Amino acid sequence: MLRVFRVRARYLLLLLSLAAAVVFAGRAVLDGVENRKVAALSWSVANRVIVVDPGHGGIDPGSKGPSGVIEKDVTLEVSRKLAIILSQAGAMVLLTRETDVDLSDPGGGRLITRKRQDLARRVALANDRNADAFISIHVNSFKSGPREHGAQTFYQPGSREGEKLAQCIQAELVRQLKNTRRKAKEVDYYTTRHAKMPAVIVEIGFISNPKEEKLMCDPGYQGKVAFAIYSGIVKYFAGRSTPTSGPLDRESALQTFMNNEGRFYDAP
């Protein structure tokens, strides 16, 4: 009887392994289909003016991970990669910063005063350029619980379009990163409150979690995060318009793009 049990156990293990392989392969196929869908919908961001905001910078380093990784460095790298992908799809991308700087006046007083000025100027950049979306990249931190993990997207309470954009981005973060089950959540932030366009804060993970801190330093993972955010943006705009909804004002969009100070990635 014991010998029969062992045979059955081996068969059961084999069946479970095969079932897991089928599920894994099925998910891979579905992901491939979804990624092709994103590529097919890339027209939806063409000529859109999108502000990508690398959180913190300059006098404000943001959060710090257990091994010393600093938030402002991670957000800048992910934002750069996101800007490249969006530009390749034809979007007009405005980065609020491209180096380790803040937007406040040097010697502008106390840290809190300079921080408020910095945030005000970031959102003013988007409002003044009549941007179609404001995407602010940050990392989360929860020092009391280093096991907390997972990317999460936030939007301004009462903003229906902000909620839609956040849900689209969060769905792609869940689908592509496969390490978060968090849902889009409403939170009252200065930038999302004052933005005149759909605006979100994307916390790409917990820098207080050693595993995620390490991932955030990996250029490959940074690119994966950037592509997931891009995919959410594409799906959001695809849901608002169609390829035949009328010509986009390319000349106006290009003028907005060229008037912004600094070096940006040109649209193809």
C-alpha atoms as a PDB file:
ATOM      1  CA  MET A   1       0.000   0.000   0.000  1.00  0.00           C
ATOM      2  CA  LEU A   2       2.845   2.361   0.857  1.00  0.00           C
ATOM      3  CA  ARG A   3       4.476   1.747  -2.546  1.00  0.00           C
ATOM      4  CA  VAL A   4       1.231   2.596  -4.391  1.00  0.00           C
ATOM      5  CA  PHE A   5       0.981   5.835  -2.424  1.00  0.00           C
ATOM      6  CA  ARG A   6       4.469   6.849  -3.542  1.00  0.00           C
ATOM      7  CA  VAL A   7       3.647   6.215  -7.197  1.00  0.00           C
ATOM      8  CA  ARG A   8       0.502   8.289  -6.935  1.00  0.00           C
ATOM      9  CA  ALA A   9       2.387  11.056  -5.168  1.00  0.00           C
ATOM     10  CA  ARG A  10       4.918  11.202  -7.996  1.00  0.00           C
ATOM     11  CA  TYR A  11       2.142  11.368 -10.571  1.00  0.00           C
ATOM     12  CA  LEU A  12       0.414  14.084  -8.570  1.00  0.00           C
ATOM     13  CA  LEU A  13       3.631  16.096  -8.400  1.00  0.00           C
ATOM     14  CA  LEU A  14       4.088  15.708 -12.145  1.00  0.00           C
ATOM     15  CA  LEU A  15       0.528  16.849 -12.819  1.00  0.00           C
ATOM     16  CA  LEU A  16       0.964  19.856 -10.541  1.00  0.00           C
ATOM     17  CA  SER A  17       4.196  20.767 -12.313  1.00  0.00           C
ATOM     18  CA  LEU A  18       2.534  20.477 -15.706  1.00  0.00           C
ATOM     19  CA  ALA A  19      -0.408  22.558 -14.530  1.00  0.00           C
ATOM     20  CA  ALA A  20       1.949  25.258 -13.226  1.00  0.00           C
ATOM     21  CA  ALA A  21       3.836  25.250 -16.538  1.00  0.00           C
ATOM     22  CA  VAL A  22       0.581  25.632 -18.474  1.00  0.00           C
ATOM     23  CA  VAL A  23      -0.536  28.524 -16.270  1.00  0.00           C
ATOM     24  CA  PHE A  24       2.866  30.218 -16.612  1.00  0.00           C
ATOM     25  CA  ALA A  25       2.861  29.784 -20.383  1.00  0.00           C
ATOM     26  CA  GLY A  26      -0.694  31.056 -20.588  1.00  0.00           C
ATOM     27  CA  ARG A  27       0.168  34.173 -18.644  1.00  0.00           C
ATOM     28  CA  ALA A  28       3.201  34.763 -20.862  1.00  0.00           C
ATOM     29  CA  VAL A  29       1.014  34.528 -23.957  1.00  0.00           C
ATOM     30  CA  LEU A  30      -1.560  36.917 -22.483  1.00  0.00           C
ATOM     31  CA  ASP A  31       1.191  39.373 -21.536  1.00  0.00           C
ATOM     32  CA  GLY A  32       2.517  39.219 -25.080  1.00  0.00           C
ATOM     33  CA  VAL A  33      -0.960  39.947 -26.440  1.00  0.00           C
ATOM     34  CA  GLU A  34      -1.393  42.877 -24.067  1.00  0.00           C
ATOM     35  CA  ASN A  35       2.010  44.326 -24.969  1.00  0.00           C
ATOM     36  CA  ARG A  36       1.120  44.128 -28.654  1.00  0.00           C
ATOM     37  CA  LYS A  37      -2.129  45.881 -27.792  1.00  0.00           C
ATOM     38  CA  VAL A  38      -0.164  48.671 -26.138  1.00  0.00           C
ATOM     39  CA  ALA A  39       2.009  48.990 -29.246  1.00  0.00           C
ATOM     40  CA  ALA A  40      -1.095  49.170 -31.427  1.00  0.00           C
ATOM     41  CA  LEU A  41      -2.559  51.911 -29.224  1.00  0.00           C
ATOM     42  CA  SER A  42       0.607  54.028 -29.102  1.00  0.00           C
ATOM     43  CA  TRP A  43      -1.034  56.547 -31.473  1.00  0.00           C
ATOM     44  CA  SER A  44      -3.096  57.716 -28.495  1.00  0.00           C
ATOM     45  CA  VAL A  45      -0.154  59.629 -26.971  1.00  0.00           C
ATOM     46  CA  ALA A  46       1.120  61.149 -30.236  1.00  0.00           C
ATOM     47  CA  ASN A  47       1.451  64.932 -29.805  1.00  0.00           C
ATOM     48  CA  ARG A  48       0.140  64.767 -26.258  1.00  0.00           C
ATOM     49  CA  VAL A  49       2.007  67.103 -23.925  1.00  0.00           C
ATOM     50  CA  ILE A  50       2.985  65.010 -20.918  1.00  0.00           C
ATOM     51  CA  VAL A  51       4.909  66.330 -17.935  1.00  0.00           C
ATOM     52  CA  VAL A  52       7.069  63.724 -16.204  1.00  0.00           C
ATOM     53  CA  ASP A  53       8.130  64.832 -12.751  1.00  0.00           C
ATOM     54  CA  PRO A  54      11.107  63.068 -11.106  1.00  0.00           C
ATOM     55  CA  GLY A  55      10.253  63.488  -7.420  1.00  0.00           C
ATOM     56  CA  HIS A  56      12.583  65.406  -5.103  1.00  0.00           C
ATOM     57  CA  GLY A  57      16.053  66.540  -6.170  1.00  0.00           C
ATOM     58  CA  GLY A  58      18.593  69.156  -5.122  1.00  0.00           C
ATOM     59  CA  ILE A  59      18.129  70.147  -1.493  1.00  0.00           C
ATOM     60  CA  ASP A  60      15.424  67.506  -1.073  1.00  0.00           C
ATOM     61  CA  PRO A  61      16.831  63.959  -1.312  1.00  0.00           C
ATOM     62  CA  GLY A  62      13.577  62.201  -0.447  1.00  0.00           C
ATOM     63  CA  SER A  63      13.638  58.857   1.342  1.00  0.00           C
ATOM     64  CA  LYS A  64      16.738  56.751   1.901  1.00  0.00           C
ATOM     65  CA  GLY A  65      16.958  52.968   1.695  1.00  0.00           C
ATOM     66  CA  PRO A  66      18.697  50.649   4.181  1.00  0.00           C
ATOM     67  CA  SER A  67      21.799  50.397   1.976  1.00  0.00           C
ATOM     68  CA  GLY A  68      21.924  54.116   1.269  1.00  0.00           C
ATOM     69  CA  VAL A  69      19.998  54.388  -2.019  1.00  0.00           C
ATOM     70  CA  ILE A  70      18.411  57.839  -2.299  1.00  0.00           C
ATOM     71  CA  GLU A  71      14.945  58.439  -3.704  1.00  0.00           C
ATOM     72  CA  LYS A  72      15.847  61.435  -5.877  1.00  0.00           C
ATOM     73  CA  ASP A  73      18.365  59.336  -7.836  1.00  0.00           C
ATOM     74  CA  VAL A  74      15.939  56.498  -8.501  1.00  0.00           C
ATOM     75  CA  THR A  75      13.080  58.772  -9.559  1.00  0.00           C
ATOM     76  CA  LEU A  76      15.312  60.601 -12.020  1.00  0.00           C
ATOM     77  CA  GLU A  77      16.469  57.386 -13.725  1.00  0.00           C
ATOM     78  CA  VAL A  78      12.950  55.974 -14.061  1.00  0.00           C
ATOM     79  CA  SER A  79      11.626  59.333 -15.288  1.00  0.00           C
ATOM     80  CA  ARG A  80      14.320  59.555 -17.948  1.00  0.00           C
ATOM     81  CA  LYS A  81      13.426  56.109 -19.231  1.00  0.00           C
ATOM     82  CA  LEU A  82       9.717  56.957 -19.227  1.00  0.00           C
ATOM     83  CA  ALA A  83      10.443  60.165 -21.149  1.00  0.00           C
ATOM     84  CA  ILE A  84      12.335  58.234 -23.817  1.00  0.00           C
ATOM     85  CA  ILE A  85       9.527  55.703 -24.308  1.00  0.00           C
ATOM     86  CA  LEU A  86       6.843  58.387 -24.471  1.00  0.00           C
ATOM     87  CA  SER A  87       8.886  60.448 -26.925  1.00  0.00           C
ATOM     88  CA  GLN A  88       9.434  57.440 -29.155  1.00  0.00           C
ATOM     89  CA  ALA A  89       5.637  57.121 -29.327  1.00  0.00           C
ATOM     90  CA  GLY A  90       5.384  60.764 -30.451  1.00  0.00           C
ATOM     91  CA  ALA A  91       4.495  62.458 -27.158  1.00  0.00           C
ATOM     92  CA  MET A  92       5.878  65.895 -26.297  1.00  0.00           C
ATOM     93  CA  VAL A  93       7.632  65.228 -22.995  1.00  0.00           C
ATOM     94  CA  LEU A  94       8.526  67.883 -20.441  1.00  0.00           C
ATOM     95  CA  LEU A  95      10.756  66.772 -17.583  1.00  0.00           C
ATOM     96  CA  THR A  96      10.559  69.015 -14.516  1.00  0.00           C
ATOM     97  CA  ARG A  97      14.229  68.270 -13.888  1.00  0.00           C
ATOM     98  CA  GLU A  98      16.971  66.394 -15.730  1.00  0.00           C
ATOM     99  CA  THR A  99      19.707  66.550 -13.117  1.00  0.00           C
ATOM    100  CA  ASP A 100      20.033  66.605  -9.338  1.00  0.00           C
ATOM    101  CA  VAL A 101      18.394  70.004  -8.856  1.00  0.00           C
ATOM    102  CA  ASP A 102      15.243  71.476  -7.381  1.00  0.00           C
ATOM    103  CA  LEU A 103      13.160  74.295  -8.789  1.00  0.00           C
ATOM    104  CA  SER A 104      13.403  76.683  -5.829  1.00  0.00           C
ATOM    105  CA  ASP A 105      15.473  79.847  -5.704  1.00  0.00           C
ATOM    106  CA  PRO A 106      18.977  79.280  -4.259  1.00  0.00           C
ATOM    107  CA  GLY A 107      19.184  80.816  -0.815  1.00  0.00           C
ATOM    108  CA  GLY A 108      15.432  81.099  -0.757  1.00  0.00           C
ATOM    109  CA  GLY A 109      15.079  80.684   2.986  1.00  0.00           C
ATOM    110  CA  ARG A 110      14.093  77.714   5.094  1.00  0.00           C
ATOM    111  CA  LEU A 111      13.909  74.215   3.673  1.00  0.00           C
ATOM    112  CA  ILE A 112      10.121  74.047   3.994  1.00  0.00           C
ATOM    113  CA  THR A 113       9.784  77.362   2.125  1.00  0.00           C
ATOM    114  CA  ARG A 114      12.026  76.183  -0.694  1.00  0.00           C
ATOM    115  CA  LYS A 115      10.169  72.867  -0.851  1.00  0.00           C
ATOM    116  CA  ARG A 116       6.841  74.631  -1.302  1.00  0.00           C
ATOM    117  CA  GLN A 117       8.307  76.827  -4.017  1.00  0.00           C
ATOM    118  CA  ASP A 118       9.773  73.769  -5.721  1.00  0.00           C
ATOM    119  CA  LEU A 119       6.426  71.935  -5.773  1.00  0.00           C
ATOM    120  CA  ALA A 120       4.561  75.051  -6.935  1.00  0.00           C
ATOM    121  CA  ARG A 121       6.902  75.480  -9.879  1.00  0.00           C
ATOM    122  CA  ARG A 122       6.639  71.838 -10.902  1.00  0.00           C
ATOM    123  CA  VAL A 123       2.884  71.953 -11.198  1.00  0.00           C
ATOM    124  CA  ALA A 124       3.010  75.460 -12.727  1.00  0.00           C
ATOM    125  CA  LEU A 125       5.188  74.039 -15.518  1.00  0.00           C
ATOM    126  CA  ALA A 126       2.406  71.620 -16.379  1.00  0.00           C
ATOM    127  CA  ASN A 127      -0.390  74.175 -16.044  1.00  0.00           C
ATOM    128  CA  ASP A 128       1.395  76.858 -18.073  1.00  0.00           C
ATOM    129  CA  ARG A 129       2.065  74.412 -20.926  1.00  0.00           C
ATOM    130  CA  ASN A 130      -1.541  73.132 -20.912  1.00  0.00           C
ATOM    131  CA  ALA A 131      -0.215  69.608 -20.457  1.00  0.00           C
ATOM    132  CA  ASP A 132      -2.466  66.633 -21.083  1.00  0.00           C
ATOM    133  CA  ALA A 133      -1.139  64.688 -18.086  1.00  0.00           C
ATOM    134  CA  PHE A 134       1.143  65.139 -15.087  1.00  0.00           C
ATOM    135  CA  ILE A 135       3.041  62.028 -13.969  1.00  0.00           C
ATOM    136  CA  SER A 136       5.089  62.381 -10.783  1.00  0.00           C
ATOM    137  CA  ILE A 137       7.480  59.538  -9.949  1.00  0.00           C
ATOM    138  CA  HIS A 138       8.310  58.752  -6.310  1.00  0.00           C
ATOM    139  CA  VAL A 139       9.294  55.817  -4.102  1.00  0.00           C
ATOM    140  CA  ASN A 140       7.494  54.783  -0.959  1.00  0.00           C
ATOM    141  CA  SER A 141       9.008  54.228   2.464  1.00  0.00           C
ATOM    142  CA  PHE A 142       7.716  52.557   5.614  1.00  0.00           C
ATOM    143  CA  LYS A 143      10.557  52.195   8.076  1.00  0.00           C
ATOM    144  CA  SER A 144       8.384  50.582  10.728  1.00  0.00           C
ATOM    145  CA  GLY A 145       7.654  47.686   8.382  1.00  0.00           C
ATOM    146  CA  PRO A 146      10.479  46.798   5.974  1.00  0.00           C
ATOM    147  CA  ARG A 147       8.372  43.985   4.512  1.00  0.00           C
ATOM    148  CA  GLU A 148       5.918  46.460   2.974  1.00  0.00           C
ATOM    149  CA  HIS A 149       6.266  46.257  -0.793  1.00  0.00           C
ATOM    150  CA  GLY A 150       4.608  46.993  -4.097  1.00  0.00           C
ATOM    151  CA  ALA A 151       4.142  49.899  -6.492  1.00  0.00           C
ATOM    152  CA  GLN A 152       1.029  52.010  -6.055  1.00  0.00           C
ATOM    153  CA  THR A 153      -0.544  54.935  -7.927  1.00  0.00           C
ATOM    154  CA  PHE A 154      -2.335  57.846  -6.253  1.00  0.00           C
ATOM    155  CA  TYR A 155      -4.778  60.455  -7.541  1.00  0.00           C
ATOM    156  CA  GLN A 156      -6.524  63.534  -6.198  1.00  0.00           C
ATOM    157  CA  PRO A 157      -9.859  62.933  -4.426  1.00  0.00           C
ATOM    158  CA  GLY A 158     -12.726  64.071  -6.625  1.00  0.00           C
ATOM    159  CA  SER A 159     -10.735  63.947  -9.859  1.00  0.00           C
ATOM    160  CA  ARG A 160     -12.553  61.470 -12.101  1.00  0.00           C
ATOM    161  CA  GLU A 161      -9.969  61.680 -14.885  1.00  0.00           C
ATOM    162  CA  GLY A 162      -7.128  61.428 -12.383  1.00  0.00           C
ATOM    163  CA  GLU A 163      -8.744  58.289 -11.011  1.00  0.00           C
ATOM    164  CA  LYS A 164      -9.055  56.760 -14.483  1.00  0.00           C
ATOM    165  CA  LEU A 165      -5.415  57.527 -15.273  1.00  0.00           C
ATOM    166  CA  ALA A 166      -4.264  56.106 -11.931  1.00  0.00           C
ATOM    167  CA  GLN A 167      -6.295  52.930 -12.422  1.00  0.00           C
ATOM    168  CA  CYS A 168      -4.873  52.390 -15.911  1.00  0.00           C
ATOM    169  CA  ILE A 169      -1.303  52.816 -14.670  1.00  0.00           C
ATOM    170  CA  GLN A 170      -1.839  50.663 -11.587  1.00  0.00           C
ATOM    171  CA  ALA A 171      -3.348  47.860 -13.646  1.00  0.00           C
ATOM    172  CA  GLU A 172      -0.232  47.802 -15.824  1.00  0.00           C
ATOM    173  CA  LEU A 173       2.103  47.884 -12.826  1.00  0.00           C
ATOM    174  CA  VAL A 174       0.285  44.860 -11.426  1.00  0.00           C
ATOM    175  CA  ARG A 175       0.275  43.038 -14.767  1.00  0.00           C
ATOM    176  CA  GLN A 176       3.859  43.680 -15.781  1.00  0.00           C
ATOM    177  CA  LEU A 177       5.806  43.820 -12.513  1.00  0.00           C
ATOM    178  CA  LYS A 178       3.943  40.889 -10.935  1.00  0.00           C
ATOM    179  CA  ASN A 179       5.103  41.887  -7.474  1.00  0.00           C
ATOM    180  CA  THR A 180       2.253  44.109  -6.360  1.00  0.00           C
ATOM    181  CA  ARG A 181      -1.475  43.690  -5.861  1.00  0.00           C
ATOM    182  CA  ARG A 182      -2.068  47.189  -4.610  1.00  0.00           C
ATOM    183  CA  LYS A 183      -4.885  49.293  -6.035  1.00  0.00           C
ATOM    184  CA  ALA A 184      -4.986  52.920  -7.123  1.00  0.00           C
ATOM    185  CA  LYS A 185      -5.824  55.131  -4.163  1.00  0.00           C
ATOM    186  CA  GLU A 186      -6.933  58.703  -3.625  1.00  0.00           C
ATOM    187  CA  VAL A 187      -4.651  60.956  -1.580  1.00  0.00           C
ATOM    188  CA  ASP A 188      -4.562  64.742  -1.298  1.00  0.00           C
ATOM    189  CA  TYR A 189      -1.144  65.905  -2.578  1.00  0.00           C
ATOM    190  CA  TYR A 190      -0.124  69.462  -3.433  1.00  0.00           C
ATOM    191  CA  THR A 191       0.752  68.730  -7.053  1.00  0.00           C
ATOM    192  CA  THR A 192      -2.335  66.663  -7.859  1.00  0.00           C
ATOM    193  CA  ARG A 193      -4.552  69.188  -6.053  1.00  0.00           C
ATOM    194  CA  HIS A 194      -3.304  72.152  -8.098  1.00  0.00           C
ATOM    195  CA  ALA A 195      -2.811  70.427 -11.457  1.00  0.00           C
ATOM    196  CA  LYS A 196      -5.374  71.467 -14.073  1.00  0.00           C
ATOM    197  CA  MET A 197      -5.007  68.189 -15.967  1.00  0.00           C
ATOM    198  CA  PRO A 198      -5.220  64.506 -14.962  1.00  0.00           C
ATOM    199  CA  ALA A 199      -2.376  64.037 -12.476  1.00  0.00           C
ATOM    200  CA  VAL A 200      -1.025  61.058 -10.571  1.00  0.00           C
ATOM    201  CA  ILE A 201       1.722  60.174  -8.133  1.00  0.00           C
ATOM    202  CA  VAL A 202       3.355  56.828  -8.934  1.00  0.00           C
ATOM    203  CA  GLU A 203       5.162  55.290  -5.969  1.00  0.00           C
ATOM    204  CA  ILE A 204       7.200  52.635  -7.782  1.00  0.00           C
ATOM    205  CA  GLY A 205       7.953  50.549  -4.682  1.00  0.00           C
ATOM    206  CA  PHE A 206       9.201  50.691  -1.102  1.00  0.00           C
ATOM    207  CA  ILE A 207      12.788  51.864  -0.772  1.00  0.00           C
ATOM    208  CA  SER A 208      12.563  50.735   2.867  1.00  0.00           C
ATOM    209  CA  ASN A 209      12.245  47.153   1.616  1.00  0.00           C
ATOM    210  CA  PRO A 210      15.791  45.801   0.960  1.00  0.00           C
ATOM    211  CA  LYS A 211      14.627  43.642  -1.953  1.00  0.00           C
ATOM    212  CA  GLU A 212      12.795  46.460  -3.691  1.00  0.00           C
ATOM    213  CA  GLU A 213      15.598  48.891  -2.942  1.00  0.00           C
ATOM    214  CA  LYS A 214      17.943  46.597  -4.863  1.00  0.00           C
ATOM    215  CA  LEU A 215      15.469  46.248  -7.739  1.00  0.00           C
ATOM    216  CA  MET A 216      15.136  50.022  -8.019  1.00  0.00           C
ATOM    217  CA  CYS A 217      18.866  50.280  -8.753  1.00  0.00           C
ATOM    218  CA  ASP A 218      18.662  47.760 -11.617  1.00  0.00           C
ATOM    219  CA  PRO A 219      18.447  49.575 -14.995  1.00  0.00           C
ATOM    220  CA  GLY A 220      16.491  46.651 -16.437  1.00  0.00           C
ATOM    221  CA  TYR A 221      13.883  46.846 -13.702  1.00  0.00           C
ATOM    222  CA  GLN A 222      13.747  50.628 -14.004  1.00  0.00           C
ATOM    223  CA  GLY A 223      12.954  50.174 -17.684  1.00  0.00           C
ATOM    224  CA  LYS A 224      10.271  47.633 -16.858  1.00  0.00           C
ATOM    225  CA  VAL A 225       8.639  50.069 -14.433  1.00  0.00           C
ATOM    226  CA  ALA A 226       8.839  52.865 -17.003  1.00  0.00           C
ATOM    227  CA  PHE A 227       7.221  50.700 -19.674  1.00  0.00           C
ATOM    228  CA  ALA A 228       4.421  49.686 -17.302  1.00  0.00           C
ATOM    229  CA  ILE A 229       3.681  53.351 -16.538  1.00  0.00           C
ATOM    230  CA  TYR A 230       3.820  54.156 -20.251  1.00  0.00           C
ATOM    231  CA  SER A 231       1.403  51.316 -21.014  1.00  0.00           C
ATOM    232  CA  GLY A 232      -1.075  52.695 -18.502  1.00  0.00           C
ATOM    233  CA  ILE A 233      -0.814  56.178 -20.018  1.00  0.00           C
ATOM    234  CA  VAL A 234      -1.388  54.768 -23.507  1.00  0.00           C
ATOM    235  CA  LYS A 235      -4.467  52.828 -22.429  1.00  0.00           C
ATOM    236  CA  TYR A 236      -5.850  55.874 -20.617  1.00  0.00           C
ATOM    237  CA  PHE A 237      -5.613  58.143 -23.659  1.00  0.00           C
ATOM    238  CA  ALA A 238      -6.817  55.394 -25.977  1.00  0.00           C
ATOM    239  CA  GLY A 239      -9.984  55.292 -23.911  1.00  0.00           C
ATOM    240  CA  ARG A 240     -10.540  59.037 -24.407  1.00  0.00           C
ATOM    241  CA  SER A 241     -10.120  59.312 -28.184  1.00  0.00           C
ATOM    242  CA  THR A 242      -9.914  57.399 -31.435  1.00  0.00           C
ATOM    243  CA  PRO A 243      -7.499  57.570 -34.389  1.00  0.00           C
ATOM    244  CA  THR A 244     -10.240  59.292 -36.435  1.00  0.00           C
ATOM    245  CA  SER A 245     -11.337  61.817 -33.807  1.00  0.00           C
ATOM    246  CA  GLY A 246      -9.618  64.627 -35.716  1.00  0.00           C
ATOM    247  CA  PRO A 247      -6.114  65.925 -36.436  1.00  0.00           C
ATOM    248  CA  LEU A 248      -3.921  66.870 -33.504  1.00  0.00           C
ATOM    249  CA  ASP A 249      -2.268  70.292 -33.466  1.00  0.00           C
ATOM    250  CA  ARG A 250       1.266  69.042 -34.035  1.00  0.00           C
ATOM    251  CA  GLU A 251       2.711  72.522 -34.651  1.00  0.00           C
ATOM    252  CA  SER A 252       1.364  73.815 -31.349  1.00  0.00           C
ATOM    253  CA  ALA A 253       2.568  70.737 -29.501  1.00  0.00           C
ATOM    254  CA  LEU A 254       6.047  71.047 -30.997  1.00  0.00           C
ATOM    255  CA  GLN A 255       6.178  74.728 -30.035  1.00  0.00           C
ATOM    256  CA  THR A 256       5.346  73.812 -26.457  1.00  0.00           C
ATOM    257  CA  PHE A 257       8.051  71.173 -26.575  1.00  0.00           C
ATOM    258  CA  MET A 258      10.723  73.527 -27.931  1.00  0.00           C
ATOM    259  CA  ASN A 259       9.917  76.365 -25.523  1.00  0.00           C
ATOM    260  CA  ASN A 260      10.745  74.262 -22.489  1.00  0.00           C
ATOM    261  CA  GLU A 261      14.214  74.846 -21.075  1.00  0.00           C
ATOM    262  CA  GLY A 262      16.701  72.002 -21.044  1.00  0.00           C
ATOM    263  CA  ARG A 263      17.380  68.992 -23.234  1.00  0.00           C
ATOM    264  CA  PHE A 264      14.531  66.617 -23.981  1.00  0.00           C
ATOM    265  CA  TYR A 265      14.110  63.569 -26.146  1.00  0.00           C
ATOM    266  CA  ASP A 266      12.710  64.615 -29.524  1.00  0.00           C
ATOM    267  CA  ALA A 267       9.680  62.876 -30.954  1.00  0.00           C
ATOM    268  CA  PRO A 268      10.223  60.639 -34.000  1.00  0.00           C
END
